[in-house]
Amino acid sequence: MTEADPEYDLPAIRFLEALWGEGYLSPGGPEEVGRVLSGLSLSGKRVLDLGCGAGGISVYLADTQGAGEVVGVDVEEPVVEAARTRARRVGLSARVRIEKVSPGPLPFADNSFDVIFSKDAMVHIADKEMLFADLYRVLKPGGCLAASDWLTSHDGEPSADMRAYLDAEGLSFGMASAERYRSALEAAGFESIVLTDRNAWYRDVARVELERLKGPLFDTAAAAVGAGYVEKNIRTWTAMVKVLDSGDHRPTHLRAWKPEPATGRTERGV
């Protein structure tokens, strides 16, 4: 992978937005983001949007959820530029800052953010232990990690169907089990960890997406990215539905807290 060959290039952005909505590169739109954040208040908070993609979520966190400042980060230029353009277009550049970062430790000081949000982006980071240790570092004491990600049913060698799906995606997925996520979160120091399996939800949604791609959405998407691109993704969605049905692919919501050092207890006032 080179700077000139990003995984999420302009055709990928156009295709995923046609499927999932403008600014969204993962399923469920603002409704699913709202479910990830259920019970949390972002009002006036400084929020990190890890893997911000095309910026729809970063804008939503500021505009609808009331975050005081959102710092969206991603590693690829096309999505970063799309996110910056979106923030400017809606007049939120003062509260939504988009930064291109390099893979590895985040370029932020310790205790920088009240809340860390991520939507189906951590799957691209294979080293979950490093990831959660770094997120713990930049999160303020008493702060919350609220995320969604694509997990697998078990660690180790993937099943033949999962391998076929991963090959069809052709993306740098570093999928891991719920057990590994929980272990990595605990090792980093997070407490009050809750993982909520979303397989049943996305199993139904993905089947609807596949039928839309085969039917009413085909011509619209093909006009944006070409028929061959859409046909390739129909094959990908077919493989994905298979591993969702088998339970190998397990989208999951995650929530965890960084404890207050004075008490050793987490603070739920975020």
Protein backbone atom coordinates (compact mmCIF):
# COMPACT_ATOMS: atom_id res chain seq x y z
CA MET A 1 0.00 0.00 0.00
CA THR A 2 1.40 3.36 -1.02
CA GLU A 3 0.26 6.96 -0.72
CA ALA A 4 -0.77 6.76 -4.39
CA ASP A 5 -2.75 3.57 -3.80
CA PRO A 6 -5.07 4.08 -0.80
CA GLU A 7 -7.59 1.45 0.20
CA TYR A 8 -10.33 4.07 0.46
CA ASP A 9 -9.87 5.96 -2.77
CA LEU A 10 -12.47 8.16 -4.46
CA PRO A 11 -14.34 5.25 -6.10
CA ALA A 12 -14.53 3.47 -2.74
CA ILE A 13 -15.83 6.63 -1.06
CA ARG A 14 -18.44 7.19 -3.78
CA PHE A 15 -19.58 3.57 -3.67
CA LEU A 16 -19.89 3.37 0.12
CA GLU A 17 -21.67 6.72 0.31
CA ALA A 18 -24.15 5.52 -2.32
CA LEU A 19 -24.84 2.52 -0.09
CA TRP A 20 -24.60 4.00 3.40
CA GLY A 21 -25.22 7.74 3.02
CA GLU A 22 -23.18 10.86 2.36
CA GLY A 23 -20.13 10.98 4.60
CA TYR A 24 -20.60 7.42 5.91
CA LEU A 25 -18.19 4.58 5.11
CA SER A 26 -19.72 2.03 7.48
CA PRO A 27 -23.28 0.74 7.90
CA GLY A 28 -26.15 2.11 9.94
CA GLY A 29 -25.77 5.83 9.37
CA PRO A 30 -26.42 8.32 12.17
CA GLU A 31 -28.94 5.97 13.78
CA GLU A 32 -26.28 3.35 14.50
CA VAL A 33 -23.84 6.04 15.69
CA GLY A 34 -26.55 7.19 18.09
CA ARG A 35 -26.91 3.64 19.39
CA VAL A 36 -23.15 3.39 20.01
CA LEU A 37 -23.40 6.61 22.04
CA SER A 38 -26.63 5.72 23.83
CA GLY A 39 -26.68 7.17 27.35
CA LEU A 40 -23.60 9.35 26.85
CA SER A 41 -23.55 13.13 26.64
CA LEU A 42 -20.97 14.74 24.36
CA SER A 43 -22.13 18.26 25.17
CA GLY A 44 -19.10 20.55 25.27
CA LYS A 45 -16.70 17.59 25.28
CA ARG A 46 -13.48 17.18 23.33
CA VAL A 47 -13.94 14.05 21.22
CA LEU A 48 -11.50 12.01 19.15
CA ASP A 49 -13.09 10.33 16.11
CA LEU A 50 -10.64 7.53 15.37
CA GLY A 51 -10.76 6.52 11.70
CA CYS A 52 -13.05 9.39 10.73
CA GLY A 53 -13.36 8.35 7.09
CA ALA A 54 -15.26 10.80 4.92
CA GLY A 55 -16.30 12.92 7.90
CA GLY A 56 -20.02 12.30 8.18
CA ILE A 57 -19.66 11.02 11.73
CA SER A 58 -17.30 13.79 12.86
CA VAL A 59 -19.85 16.36 11.67
CA TYR A 60 -22.66 14.44 13.36
CA LEU A 61 -20.79 14.32 16.67
CA ALA A 62 -20.45 18.11 16.66
CA ASP A 63 -23.71 19.16 15.00
CA THR A 64 -26.19 16.67 16.45
CA GLN A 65 -24.47 15.30 19.56
CA GLY A 66 -23.17 18.72 20.68
CA ALA A 67 -19.48 17.94 21.07
CA GLY A 68 -17.48 21.08 21.80
CA GLU A 69 -14.59 19.97 19.58
CA VAL A 70 -14.15 16.90 17.38
CA VAL A 71 -10.73 15.85 16.16
CA GLY A 72 -11.15 13.34 13.36
CA VAL A 73 -8.10 11.33 12.34
CA ASP A 74 -7.44 8.97 9.46
CA VAL A 75 -4.40 7.64 7.62
CA GLU A 76 -5.39 8.16 3.98
CA GLU A 77 -5.48 11.42 2.04
CA PRO A 78 -8.71 10.88 0.04
CA VAL A 79 -10.90 10.40 3.10
CA VAL A 80 -9.14 13.18 5.03
CA GLU A 81 -9.78 15.63 2.19
CA ALA A 82 -13.40 14.49 1.91
CA ALA A 83 -13.89 14.99 5.65
CA ARG A 84 -12.31 18.44 5.63
CA THR A 85 -14.47 19.48 2.69
CA ARG A 86 -17.60 18.25 4.48
CA ALA A 87 -16.78 20.15 7.68
CA ARG A 88 -16.16 23.36 5.68
CA ARG A 89 -19.33 22.95 3.64
CA VAL A 90 -21.54 22.77 6.72
CA GLY A 91 -19.71 25.59 8.50
CA LEU A 92 -18.20 23.48 11.28
CA SER A 93 -14.48 23.85 10.56
CA ALA A 94 -14.02 25.71 13.85
CA ARG A 95 -15.30 22.73 15.84
CA VAL A 96 -14.40 19.80 13.57
CA ARG A 97 -10.69 19.44 12.89
CA ILE A 98 -9.54 16.67 10.58
CA GLU A 99 -5.95 15.44 10.73
CA LYS A 100 -4.06 12.96 8.60
CA VAL A 101 -1.95 10.75 10.87
CA SER A 102 0.56 7.98 10.31
CA PRO A 103 -0.11 4.42 11.47
CA GLY A 104 1.14 3.90 15.02
CA PRO A 105 0.92 5.98 18.21
CA LEU A 106 -1.39 8.97 18.01
CA PRO A 107 0.25 12.43 17.87
CA PHE A 108 -1.59 13.74 20.94
CA ALA A 109 -0.54 14.42 24.50
CA ASP A 110 -1.62 12.22 27.37
CA ASN A 111 -5.11 12.92 28.75
CA SER A 112 -6.22 14.93 25.69
CA PHE A 113 -9.82 13.79 25.11
CA ASP A 114 -13.00 13.43 27.14
CA VAL A 115 -14.43 10.78 24.80
CA ILE A 116 -12.95 8.57 22.10
CA PHE A 117 -15.32 7.39 19.38
CA SER A 118 -14.63 4.95 16.56
CA LYS A 119 -16.94 3.35 14.01
CA ASP A 120 -15.75 0.17 12.31
CA ALA A 121 -12.19 1.47 11.87
CA MET A 122 -10.18 -0.38 14.53
CA VAL A 123 -10.52 -3.53 12.41
CA HIS A 124 -7.70 -2.07 10.30
CA ILE A 125 -5.30 -2.14 13.28
CA ALA A 126 -4.05 -5.67 13.93
CA ASP A 127 -2.23 -4.92 17.21
CA LYS A 128 -5.18 -4.45 19.54
CA GLU A 129 -2.94 -4.30 22.61
CA MET A 130 -0.97 -1.37 21.23
CA LEU A 131 -4.16 0.30 20.03
CA PHE A 132 -5.99 0.24 23.35
CA ALA A 133 -2.90 1.19 25.33
CA ASP A 134 -2.54 4.30 23.16
CA LEU A 135 -6.24 5.16 23.37
CA TYR A 136 -6.05 4.81 27.15
CA ARG A 137 -3.06 7.18 27.15
CA VAL A 138 -4.81 10.01 25.26
CA LEU A 139 -8.14 9.62 27.11
CA LYS A 140 -8.68 11.79 30.18
CA PRO A 141 -9.24 10.08 33.54
CA GLY A 142 -12.95 9.40 33.86
CA GLY A 143 -13.28 9.43 30.08
CA CYS A 144 -15.10 6.95 27.90
CA LEU A 145 -14.26 4.90 24.83
CA ALA A 146 -17.43 4.30 22.81
CA ALA A 147 -16.95 2.37 19.60
CA SER A 148 -18.22 -0.13 17.10
CA ASP A 149 -15.96 -2.56 15.28
CA TRP A 150 -15.95 -5.68 13.14
CA LEU A 151 -14.91 -8.71 15.19
CA THR A 152 -14.61 -12.38 14.40
CA SER A 153 -15.91 -15.36 16.35
CA HIS A 154 -12.47 -16.71 17.23
CA ASP A 155 -8.77 -15.97 16.95
CA GLY A 156 -6.36 -18.04 14.92
CA GLU A 157 -6.84 -19.49 11.47
CA PRO A 158 -10.02 -18.18 9.82
CA SER A 159 -12.57 -20.56 8.38
CA ALA A 160 -12.62 -21.16 4.63
CA ASP A 161 -15.68 -18.93 4.30
CA MET A 162 -14.07 -16.15 6.34
CA ARG A 163 -10.91 -16.40 4.25
CA ALA A 164 -13.01 -16.13 1.09
CA TYR A 165 -14.72 -13.03 2.50
CA LEU A 166 -11.44 -11.39 3.54
CA ASP A 167 -9.99 -12.09 0.10
CA ALA A 168 -13.07 -10.57 -1.52
CA GLU A 169 -12.78 -7.42 0.60
CA GLY A 170 -9.08 -7.08 -0.19
CA LEU A 171 -8.64 -4.68 2.73
CA SER A 172 -6.12 -4.63 5.56
CA PHE A 173 -8.45 -6.21 8.10
CA GLY A 174 -6.88 -7.34 11.38
CA MET A 175 -9.96 -9.00 12.83
CA ALA A 176 -9.96 -10.45 16.34
CA SER A 177 -12.39 -12.03 18.79
CA ALA A 178 -14.38 -10.39 21.56
CA GLU A 179 -12.18 -12.24 24.05
CA ARG A 180 -9.05 -10.61 22.62
CA TYR A 181 -10.68 -7.16 22.59
CA ARG A 182 -11.70 -7.52 26.23
CA SER A 183 -8.27 -8.80 27.23
CA ALA A 184 -6.52 -5.93 25.42
CA LEU A 185 -8.85 -3.35 26.99
CA GLU A 186 -8.23 -4.77 30.46
CA ALA A 187 -4.47 -4.87 29.93
CA ALA A 188 -4.52 -1.21 28.92
CA GLY A 189 -6.28 -0.33 32.19
CA PHE A 190 -9.88 0.18 31.06
CA GLU A 191 -12.70 -0.71 33.42
CA SER A 192 -16.48 -1.26 33.21
CA ILE A 193 -16.00 -2.90 29.82
CA VAL A 194 -19.16 -3.80 27.92
CA LEU A 195 -19.17 -5.58 24.54
CA THR A 196 -22.53 -5.81 22.76
CA ASP A 197 -22.80 -8.23 19.87
CA ARG A 198 -24.50 -6.75 16.78
CA ASN A 199 -24.34 -9.78 14.49
CA ALA A 200 -28.11 -10.25 14.38
CA TRP A 201 -28.67 -6.60 13.43
CA TYR A 202 -26.12 -6.48 10.64
CA ARG A 203 -26.98 -9.94 9.36
CA ASP A 204 -30.40 -8.57 8.40
CA VAL A 205 -29.12 -5.18 7.23
CA ALA A 206 -26.39 -6.67 5.04
CA ARG A 207 -28.90 -8.90 3.27
CA VAL A 208 -31.01 -5.82 2.46
CA GLU A 209 -27.87 -4.01 1.24
CA LEU A 210 -27.05 -6.91 -1.06
CA GLU A 211 -30.53 -6.90 -2.56
CA ARG A 212 -30.31 -3.13 -3.10
CA LEU A 213 -26.97 -3.56 -4.88
CA LYS A 214 -28.44 -6.22 -7.14
CA GLY A 215 -31.57 -4.18 -7.80
CA PRO A 216 -32.60 -0.55 -7.28
CA LEU A 217 -29.15 0.79 -6.32
CA PHE A 218 -27.18 -0.89 -9.10
CA ASP A 219 -27.64 1.79 -11.77
CA THR A 220 -27.03 4.67 -9.36
CA ALA A 221 -23.85 3.11 -7.98
CA ALA A 222 -22.68 2.05 -11.44
CA ALA A 223 -23.07 5.61 -12.69
CA ALA A 224 -20.72 6.75 -9.90
CA VAL A 225 -18.07 4.01 -10.01
CA GLY A 226 -18.78 1.72 -12.97
CA ALA A 227 -20.72 -1.52 -13.30
CA GLY A 228 -17.64 -3.69 -12.77
CA TYR A 229 -16.95 -2.07 -9.41
CA VAL A 230 -20.52 -2.71 -8.27
CA GLU A 231 -20.43 -6.32 -9.50
CA LYS A 232 -17.21 -6.90 -7.54
CA ASN A 233 -18.90 -5.62 -4.40
CA ILE A 234 -21.96 -7.77 -4.98
CA ARG A 235 -19.58 -10.73 -4.78
CA THR A 236 -18.04 -9.27 -1.63
CA TRP A 237 -21.45 -8.75 0.02
CA THR A 238 -22.47 -12.28 -0.92
CA ALA A 239 -19.37 -13.62 0.84
CA MET A 240 -19.99 -11.33 3.82
CA VAL A 241 -23.60 -12.43 4.27
CA LYS A 242 -22.34 -16.02 4.40
CA VAL A 243 -19.97 -15.33 7.35
CA LEU A 244 -22.57 -13.19 9.09
CA ASP A 245 -25.00 -16.11 8.84
CA SER A 246 -22.39 -18.57 10.13
CA GLY A 247 -21.49 -16.25 13.04
CA ASP A 248 -17.84 -15.90 12.00
CA HIS A 249 -18.31 -12.15 11.43
CA ARG A 250 -19.50 -10.39 14.58
CA PRO A 251 -19.98 -6.60 14.49
CA THR A 252 -19.82 -5.42 18.08
CA HIS A 253 -20.32 -2.27 20.14
CA LEU A 254 -17.64 -1.56 22.76
CA ARG A 255 -17.73 0.73 25.76
CA ALA A 256 -15.00 1.13 28.37
CA TRP A 257 -13.89 3.73 30.89
CA LYS A 258 -10.59 5.12 32.11
CA PRO A 259 -10.77 5.27 35.91
CA GLU A 260 -10.25 8.39 37.97
CA PRO A 261 -6.84 7.99 39.65
CA ALA A 262 -7.88 9.57 42.95
CA THR A 263 -10.60 7.01 43.61
CA GLY A 264 -9.75 4.12 41.33
CA ARG A 265 -13.38 4.33 40.18
CA THR A 266 -14.78 5.33 36.83
CA GLU A 267 -16.82 8.50 36.56
CA ARG A 268 -20.09 8.22 34.63
CA GLY A 269 -20.68 11.97 34.18
CA VAL A 270 -19.45 12.11 30.57
